[in-house]
Amino acid sequence: MGDKNKTVQPIDVEVDELSLSLLGWQIDEIEARLVTMTYGKNDHFQEVAVSGTARFLGEDWTDRFSGGDHAPVLLLSLGRAGAPTAPGYDRVVIETVKKVSKRPQRFSEKSTSWECKKPLAPEEITLRITALDVEEIDSGLALPSSKYSAVPLEVIDESTHTAVRLAVTTSSAHILRDEYDSRLRVHLAGSAEFGTADQLLAAHLAAEDWRDEDATLEDECPFSVPLPGLVVEILEEGGFLLAKREISLYGSIPVDESGKLPSRRPRWIADAGDDLGEYAGTPARVIVRIVDAEDL
């Protein structure tokens, strides 16, 4: 492969301070490097390495849209500057509230490497650390391929509970191609809108046949109403269904003991996709259906 040469360059990391602070996280320090291994003249392999320290302040995590004893997950995203393809996401810190509250969390992450004839400069790459209320990701810290084609995507809201609705602010479907394989990537992001406490109560009572339909807020508080989920349909040109993926968001809108609602809307992201070799045809369009949580 010829002589080997290694180059290490600093790369900027965008810190999403607002989103992090809403979920109790503070970044004490973070540093990233772009590592390039060169073999000969036109054979380069690159990867991104990230090191940092994060601190969790549980008292700042006031609006909680997920159950369990885990703190919100810290996320790193890696993308190409100016590209329409969604960045790759990776979970950095996945720990319980009890553990992350004891001491600052040190982390060290590496992306998967990519091969190129001309190495990317640091400014051609976007790197971001953030946190979201709900995340269902399936991509890893991988740089999206520079070779891609868009697949038409349609979002249809088929949910019936008007008390909680998913708003989709970002949606894309791309076939990403590299030297070795091709993959379909479907990415969606948005927030959840919710109604009044009485509207949420009605949805809560309707979800279970055994509940007293005349129950009041005082009778039922505290309670929560789950977020709708997603059904991703991948179709061939003629309408043949190549694959169907269900995505449960595992989040909910809580109503506390006094009937008080959260002060903000939760934000979410979701991924779906497969290697093209998994399909019995070529994806030509994608339909994403928003459905009630109990329908998944």
Foldseek 3Di string as FASTA:
>chain_A
DADKDKDKDWADEAEPVVQQQLQFKDWPDKTKIWMWIDHPQFKIKIKMKMKTKMAGDRVSNDFAWFDDFKGFWKKKWKEFPPDPDGTAIDTWDIGGPVVRNPDIDITMDMFDMDIGRDDDDSVRMYMYIGTFNWEAHDGGRYYFAPDKDWAAEAEAEPADLPQKAWDWPDWTWMWTDDPPFIKIKIKTKGWMDGDALVSQVQQVQVVDPPRDNPDDLQRDFWDWFAHWWKKKFFADPVGHTFDIDTGGRNTTWTQHNVRDGDPDIGIYMHMDMDTPVSTPHDGRHMYMYTYGNVVD
